[in-house]
Amino acid sequence: MERFVEAVSDRLTKEIRRGRIDQLHVRETATALLLMNERYLMDALGREPQADARTVTETLDRIWVRTLYGTDGTDGAEEHDS
């Protein structure tokens, strides 16, 4: 988990420097989002009946993008993966 927290924290720091996301508590935000992912994925896909994988992916994507960029990603934030 620590490697993921570090990777996401580094990415968030870069996005803040680029002005793409507002200032936030980088490490805490990374940790919270990743723990949410872990728990949700275990619940949705780790037992029967499994949730639809596409719906799970779309849900997590929307939460991350809206949390970090404050939008649905269609108004200029669509290049947040570079």
Protein backbone atom coordinates (compact mmCIF):
# COMPACT_ATOMS: atom_id res chain seq x y z
CA MET A 1 0.00 0.00 0.00
CA GLU A 2 2.83 2.38 0.83
CA ARG A 3 4.16 2.27 -2.76
CA PHE A 4 0.74 3.23 -4.07
CA VAL A 5 0.40 6.06 -1.56
CA GLU A 6 3.81 7.39 -2.58
CA ALA A 7 3.00 7.16 -6.30
CA VAL A 8 -0.36 8.89 -5.93
CA SER A 9 1.14 11.53 -3.61
CA ASP A 10 3.84 12.29 -6.18
CA ARG A 11 1.21 12.61 -8.91
CA LEU A 12 -0.99 14.88 -6.80
CA THR A 13 1.98 17.12 -6.00
CA LYS A 14 2.73 17.46 -9.74
CA GLU A 15 -0.90 18.24 -10.52
CA ILE A 16 -0.94 20.94 -7.82
CA ARG A 17 2.24 22.49 -9.23
CA ARG A 18 0.70 22.50 -12.72
CA GLY A 19 -2.36 24.25 -11.32
CA ARG A 20 -4.66 21.44 -12.37
CA ILE A 21 -5.93 20.70 -8.88
CA ASP A 22 -6.34 22.88 -5.81
CA GLN A 23 -4.12 22.65 -2.77
CA LEU A 24 -5.00 19.70 -0.56
CA HIS A 25 -3.47 17.43 2.03
CA VAL A 26 -1.59 15.32 -0.49
CA ARG A 27 -0.67 12.24 1.51
CA GLU A 28 -3.96 12.11 3.39
CA THR A 29 -5.97 12.47 0.19
CA ALA A 30 -3.94 9.75 -1.52
CA THR A 31 -4.37 7.43 1.44
CA ALA A 32 -8.11 8.06 1.73
CA LEU A 33 -8.76 7.49 -1.97
CA LEU A 34 -6.68 4.33 -2.08
CA LEU A 35 -8.30 2.86 1.03
CA MET A 36 -11.70 3.64 -0.45
CA ASN A 37 -10.65 1.83 -3.65
CA GLU A 38 -9.38 -1.17 -1.76
CA ARG A 39 -12.54 -1.59 0.32
CA TYR A 40 -14.91 -0.91 -2.55
CA LEU A 41 -13.12 -3.30 -4.92
CA MET A 42 -13.13 -6.05 -2.30
CA ASP A 43 -16.83 -5.53 -1.68
CA ALA A 44 -17.87 -5.15 -5.32
CA LEU A 45 -15.67 -7.77 -6.96
CA GLY A 46 -14.33 -9.94 -4.17
CA ARG A 47 -17.46 -12.00 -3.57
CA GLU A 48 -20.51 -13.36 -5.31
CA PRO A 49 -22.49 -11.94 -6.85
CA GLN A 50 -19.93 -9.60 -8.31
CA ALA A 51 -20.84 -6.12 -9.40
CA ASP A 52 -20.45 -5.21 -13.05
CA ALA A 53 -16.74 -4.41 -13.54
CA ARG A 54 -17.46 -1.55 -15.94
CA THR A 55 -19.81 0.09 -13.44
CA VAL A 56 -17.22 -0.31 -10.68
CA THR A 57 -14.53 1.27 -12.86
CA GLU A 58 -16.76 4.15 -13.94
CA THR A 59 -17.78 4.80 -10.35
CA LEU A 60 -14.21 4.97 -9.08
CA ASP A 61 -13.12 7.11 -12.02
CA ARG A 62 -15.90 9.63 -11.38
CA ILE A 63 -15.10 9.81 -7.65
CA TRP A 64 -11.37 10.37 -8.27
CA VAL A 65 -11.84 12.94 -11.04
CA ARG A 66 -14.49 14.93 -9.20
CA THR A 67 -12.57 14.81 -5.92
CA LEU A 68 -9.32 15.97 -7.48
CA TYR A 69 -10.42 18.15 -10.38
CA GLY A 70 -13.86 19.25 -9.22
CA THR A 71 -15.42 18.35 -12.57
CA ASP A 72 -16.45 15.37 -14.60
CA GLY A 73 -13.25 15.75 -16.61
CA THR A 74 -14.87 17.20 -19.72
CA ASP A 75 -14.01 20.89 -19.31
CA GLY A 76 -10.26 21.03 -19.69
CA ALA A 77 -9.23 18.44 -17.12
CA GLU A 78 -9.35 15.56 -19.59
CA GLU A 79 -5.57 15.42 -19.87
CA HIS A 80 -5.05 14.58 -16.20
CA ASP A 81 -3.28 11.30 -17.10
CA SER A 82 -0.10 12.81 -18.53
